[in-house]
C-alpha atoms as a PDB file:
ATOM      1  CA  UNK A   1     -97.692 -52.728 218.882  1.00  0.00           C
ATOM      2  CA  UNK A   2     -97.650 -51.938 222.590  1.00  0.00           C
ATOM      3  CA  UNK A   3    -101.214 -53.043 223.303  1.00  0.00           C
ATOM      4  CA  UNK A   4    -100.721 -56.345 221.458  1.00  0.00           C
ATOM      5  CA  UNK A   5     -97.221 -56.768 222.944  1.00  0.00           C
ATOM      6  CA  UNK A   6     -96.071 -57.448 219.406  1.00  0.00           C
ATOM      7  CA  UNK A   7     -92.571 -55.983 219.602  1.00  0.00           C
ATOM      8  CA  UNK A   8     -90.948 -59.428 219.335  1.00  0.00           C
ATOM      9  CA  UNK A   9     -92.982 -60.170 216.187  1.00  0.00           C
ATOM     10  CA  UNK A  10     -91.852 -56.819 214.771  1.00  0.00           C
ATOM     11  CA  UNK A  11     -88.255 -57.900 215.345  1.00  0.00           C
ATOM     12  CA  UNK A  12     -88.923 -61.293 213.708  1.00  0.00           C
ATOM     13  CA  UNK A  13     -90.412 -59.532 210.678  1.00  0.00           C
ATOM     14  CA  UNK A  14     -87.418 -57.231 210.488  1.00  0.00           C
ATOM     15  CA  UNK A  15     -85.006 -60.169 210.704  1.00  0.00           C
ATOM     16  CA  UNK A  16     -86.863 -62.011 207.941  1.00  0.00           C
ATOM     17  CA  UNK A  17     -86.910 -58.962 205.662  1.00  0.00           C
ATOM     18  CA  UNK A  18     -83.227 -58.261 206.269  1.00  0.00           C
ATOM     19  CA  UNK A  19     -82.373 -61.912 205.537  1.00  0.00           C
ATOM     20  CA  UNK A  20     -83.964 -61.311 202.115  1.00  0.00           C
ATOM     21  CA  UNK A  21     -81.759 -58.250 201.528  1.00  0.00           C
ATOM     22  CA  UNK A  22     -84.200 -55.550 202.621  1.00  0.00           C
ATOM     23  CA  UNK A  23     -82.990 -52.449 204.437  1.00  0.00           C
ATOM     24  CA  UNK A  24     -85.187 -51.930 207.508  1.00  0.00           C
ATOM     25  CA  UNK A  25     -85.499 -48.659 209.396  1.00  0.00           C
ATOM     26  CA  UNK A  26     -87.765 -48.021 212.358  1.00  0.00           C
ATOM     27  CA  UNK A  27     -89.568 -44.675 212.223  1.00  0.00           C
ATOM     28  CA  UNK A  28     -90.748 -43.493 215.609  1.00  0.00           C
ATOM     29  CA  UNK A  29     -93.075 -40.521 216.037  1.00  0.00           C
ATOM     30  CA  UNK A  30     -92.263 -38.386 219.107  1.00  0.00           C
ATOM     31  CA  UNK A  31     -95.726 -38.927 220.645  1.00  0.00           C
ATOM     32  CA  UNK A  32     -96.060 -42.637 219.842  1.00  0.00           C
ATOM     33  CA  UNK A  33     -97.042 -44.694 222.858  1.00  0.00           C
ATOM     34  CA  UNK A  34     -98.100 -43.782 226.350  1.00  0.00           C
ATOM     35  CA  UNK A  35     -95.042 -41.598 227.006  1.00  0.00           C
ATOM     36  CA  UNK A  36     -92.071 -40.267 225.038  1.00  0.00           C
ATOM     37  CA  UNK A  37     -89.664 -43.103 224.295  1.00  0.00           C
ATOM     38  CA  UNK A  38     -92.240 -45.835 224.930  1.00  0.00           C
ATOM     39  CA  UNK A  39     -91.820 -47.443 221.492  1.00  0.00           C
ATOM     40  CA  UNK A  40     -88.032 -47.196 221.738  1.00  0.00           C
ATOM     41  CA  UNK A  41     -88.067 -49.091 225.035  1.00  0.00           C
ATOM     42  CA  UNK A  42     -90.349 -51.831 223.682  1.00  0.00           C
ATOM     43  CA  UNK A  43     -88.271 -52.308 220.538  1.00  0.00           C
ATOM     44  CA  UNK A  44     -85.001 -52.358 222.466  1.00  0.00           C
ATOM     45  CA  UNK A  45     -86.608 -54.947 224.771  1.00  0.00           C
ATOM     46  CA  UNK A  46     -87.030 -57.085 221.620  1.00  0.00           C
ATOM     47  CA  UNK A  47     -83.317 -56.632 220.811  1.00  0.00           C
ATOM     48  CA  UNK A  48     -83.782 -54.095 218.029  1.00  0.00           C
ATOM     49  CA  UNK A  49     -80.468 -52.227 217.894  1.00  0.00           C
ATOM     50  CA  UNK A  50     -80.911 -48.659 219.107  1.00  0.00           C
ATOM     51  CA  UNK A  51     -79.149 -47.272 216.026  1.00  0.00           C
ATOM     52  CA  UNK A  52     -82.013 -48.594 213.850  1.00  0.00           C
ATOM     53  CA  UNK A  53     -84.558 -46.431 215.710  1.00  0.00           C
ATOM     54  CA  UNK A  54     -84.993 -43.138 213.875  1.00  0.00           C
ATOM     55  CA  UNK A  55     -86.722 -39.947 214.931  1.00  0.00           C
ATOM     56  CA  UNK A  56     -89.366 -38.485 212.649  1.00  0.00           C
ATOM     57  CA  UNK A  57     -87.279 -35.572 211.332  1.00  0.00           C
ATOM     58  CA  UNK A  58     -84.436 -37.918 210.437  1.00  0.00           C
ATOM     59  CA  UNK A  59     -86.508 -40.590 208.693  1.00  0.00           C
ATOM     60  CA  UNK A  60     -89.259 -38.566 206.970  1.00  0.00           C
ATOM     61  CA  UNK A  61     -87.157 -37.808 203.843  1.00  0.00           C
ATOM     62  CA  UNK A  62     -86.556 -41.571 203.419  1.00  0.00           C
ATOM     63  CA  UNK A  63     -90.235 -42.271 202.659  1.00  0.00           C
ATOM     64  CA  UNK A  64     -89.924 -40.651 199.209  1.00  0.00           C
ATOM     65  CA  UNK A  65     -87.695 -43.552 198.091  1.00  0.00           C
ATOM     66  CA  UNK A  66     -89.248 -46.223 200.309  1.00  0.00           C
ATOM     67  CA  UNK A  67     -90.696 -49.290 198.582  1.00  0.00           C
ATOM     68  CA  UNK A  68     -92.889 -50.306 201.526  1.00  0.00           C
ATOM     69  CA  UNK A  69     -93.803 -48.822 204.877  1.00  0.00           C
ATOM     70  CA  UNK A  70     -95.302 -51.118 207.483  1.00  0.00           C
ATOM     71  CA  UNK A  71     -97.427 -49.276 210.027  1.00  0.00           C
ATOM     72  CA  UNK A  72     -98.273 -51.055 213.251  1.00  0.00           C
ATOM     73  CA  UNK A  73    -101.079 -49.670 215.362  1.00  0.00           C
ATOM     74  CA  UNK A  74    -100.817 -45.985 214.469  1.00  0.00           C
ATOM     75  CA  UNK A  75    -103.411 -43.562 213.166  1.00  0.00           C
ATOM     76  CA  UNK A  76    -103.057 -39.869 213.994  1.00  0.00           C
ATOM     77  CA  UNK A  77     -99.235 -39.894 213.751  1.00  0.00           C
ATOM     78  CA  UNK A  78     -99.398 -41.176 210.135  1.00  0.00           C
ATOM     79  CA  UNK A  79    -102.540 -39.298 209.083  1.00  0.00           C
ATOM     80  CA  UNK A  80    -101.754 -37.104 206.054  1.00  0.00           C
ATOM     81  CA  UNK A  81    -104.919 -35.089 206.808  1.00  0.00           C
ATOM     82  CA  UNK A  82    -102.810 -33.280 209.414  1.00  0.00           C
ATOM     83  CA  UNK A  83    -101.262 -31.347 206.532  1.00  0.00           C
ATOM     84  CA  UNK A  84    -104.455 -29.931 205.016  1.00  0.00           C
ATOM     85  CA  UNK A  85    -107.564 -30.649 207.129  1.00  0.00           C
ATOM     86  CA  UNK A  86    -107.903 -27.173 208.579  1.00  0.00           C
ATOM     87  CA  UNK A  87    -110.051 -26.874 211.675  1.00  0.00           C
ATOM     88  CA  UNK A  88    -109.313 -30.428 212.869  1.00  0.00           C
ATOM     89  CA  UNK A  89    -107.447 -31.237 216.086  1.00  0.00           C
ATOM     90  CA  UNK A  90    -104.471 -32.637 214.142  1.00  0.00           C
ATOM     91  CA  UNK A  91    -104.114 -29.823 211.593  1.00  0.00           C
ATOM     92  CA  UNK A  92    -100.481 -28.726 211.567  1.00  0.00           C
ATOM     93  CA  UNK A  93     -99.275 -31.664 213.651  1.00  0.00           C
ATOM     94  CA  UNK A  94     -96.093 -33.196 212.238  1.00  0.00           C
ATOM     95  CA  UNK A  95     -96.714 -36.722 210.945  1.00  0.00           C
ATOM     96  CA  UNK A  96     -94.620 -39.548 209.583  1.00  0.00           C
ATOM     97  CA  UNK A  97     -94.720 -39.194 205.784  1.00  0.00           C
ATOM     98  CA  UNK A  98     -95.668 -42.826 205.178  1.00  0.00           C
ATOM     99  CA  UNK A  99     -98.070 -41.740 202.445  1.00  0.00           C
ATOM    100  CA  UNK A 100     -95.003 -40.996 200.295  1.00  0.00           C
ATOM    101  CA  UNK A 101     -93.927 -44.671 200.257  1.00  0.00           C
ATOM    102  CA  UNK A 102     -94.712 -46.730 197.153  1.00  0.00           C
ATOM    103  CA  UNK A 103     -96.765 -49.176 199.207  1.00  0.00           C
ATOM    104  CA  UNK A 104     -98.133 -49.014 202.745  1.00  0.00           C
ATOM    105  CA  UNK A 105     -99.071 -52.011 204.856  1.00  0.00           C
ATOM    106  CA  UNK A 106    -101.228 -51.007 207.813  1.00  0.00           C
ATOM    107  CA  UNK A 107    -101.648 -53.387 210.747  1.00  0.00           C
ATOM    108  CA  UNK A 108    -104.328 -51.734 212.836  1.00  0.00           C
ATOM    109  CA  UNK A 109    -107.098 -53.033 215.046  1.00  0.00           C
ATOM    110  CA  UNK A 110    -109.849 -51.340 213.039  1.00  0.00           C
ATOM    111  CA  UNK A 111    -110.634 -48.462 210.687  1.00  0.00           C
ATOM    112  CA  UNK A 112    -111.863 -46.068 213.365  1.00  0.00           C
ATOM    113  CA  UNK A 113    -110.277 -42.626 213.539  1.00  0.00           C
ATOM    114  CA  UNK A 114    -107.473 -42.109 216.051  1.00  0.00           C
ATOM    115  CA  UNK A 115    -107.775 -40.229 219.328  1.00  0.00           C
ATOM    116  CA  UNK A 116    -108.247 -36.927 217.479  1.00  0.00           C
ATOM    117  CA  UNK A 117    -111.353 -38.282 215.717  1.00  0.00           C
ATOM    118  CA  UNK A 118    -110.091 -37.427 212.220  1.00  0.00           C
ATOM    119  CA  UNK A 119    -110.590 -39.993 209.446  1.00  0.00           C
ATOM    120  CA  UNK A 120    -107.325 -41.222 207.970  1.00  0.00           C
ATOM    121  CA  UNK A 121    -107.483 -41.051 204.148  1.00  0.00           C
ATOM    122  CA  UNK A 122    -104.954 -43.901 203.915  1.00  0.00           C
ATOM    123  CA  UNK A 123    -107.712 -46.255 205.081  1.00  0.00           C
ATOM    124  CA  UNK A 124    -109.815 -45.527 202.006  1.00  0.00           C
ATOM    125  CA  UNK A 125    -107.038 -45.112 199.447  1.00  0.00           C
ATOM    126  CA  UNK A 126    -107.664 -47.408 196.473  1.00  0.00           C
ATOM    127  CA  UNK A 127    -104.059 -48.112 195.446  1.00  0.00           C
ATOM    128  CA  UNK A 128    -100.802 -48.681 197.256  1.00  0.00           C
ATOM    129  CA  UNK A 129    -102.317 -49.601 200.632  1.00  0.00           C
ATOM    130  CA  UNK A 130    -102.872 -53.005 202.217  1.00  0.00           C
ATOM    131  CA  UNK A 131    -104.994 -53.122 205.353  1.00  0.00           C
ATOM    132  CA  UNK A 132    -104.427 -55.948 207.826  1.00  0.00           C
ATOM    133  CA  UNK A 133    -107.106 -55.433 210.451  1.00  0.00           C
ATOM    134  CA  UNK A 134    -107.224 -57.008 213.882  1.00  0.00           C
ATOM    135  CA  UNK A 135    -104.883 -57.622 216.774  1.00  0.00           C
ATOM    136  CA  UNK A 136    -101.322 -56.671 215.777  1.00  0.00           C
ATOM    137  CA  UNK A 137     -99.901 -59.937 217.089  1.00  0.00           C
ATOM    138  CA  UNK A 138    -102.238 -61.872 214.791  1.00  0.00           C
ATOM    139  CA  UNK A 139    -101.791 -59.671 211.710  1.00  0.00           C
ATOM    140  CA  UNK A 140     -98.013 -59.605 212.102  1.00  0.00           C
ATOM    141  CA  UNK A 141     -97.994 -63.397 212.407  1.00  0.00           C
ATOM    142  CA  UNK A 142     -99.988 -63.616 209.172  1.00  0.00           C
ATOM    143  CA  UNK A 143     -97.607 -61.208 207.464  1.00  0.00           C
ATOM    144  CA  UNK A 144     -94.602 -63.226 208.636  1.00  0.00           C
ATOM    145  CA  UNK A 145     -96.119 -66.430 207.243  1.00  0.00           C
ATOM    146  CA  UNK A 146     -96.864 -64.812 203.886  1.00  0.00           C
ATOM    147  CA  UNK A 147     -93.276 -63.673 203.325  1.00  0.00           C
END
């Protein structure tokens, strides 16, 4: 989201979903972005109300009843391998439990592993995952048009 400067498109998507009766929560991992709070600042810049921004510990239980999680430009912080891939750099790292949602839409530039170099099994999951690859501004625009 930050690299593509897509925070305003994220807000537009949220507005459109909410207009259709969808509850939207923003899940922010503590290490998302270049510095702590980076994603919060970008989203607030796009007029996302601060009370909609939720820390990982607060929002993780919500994924069990979540119909759809939309991931924008994240890899390691949503990689479920962190729970069981012993010997990897991310093993034991807390992650957003997006893999518990009924459906996951991933807007990511490519399928390469994140900074830790660990493959994300969500990228090869056969059911319940939609991959929208490319620049986040472009994939979010496509998603907005399809709704």
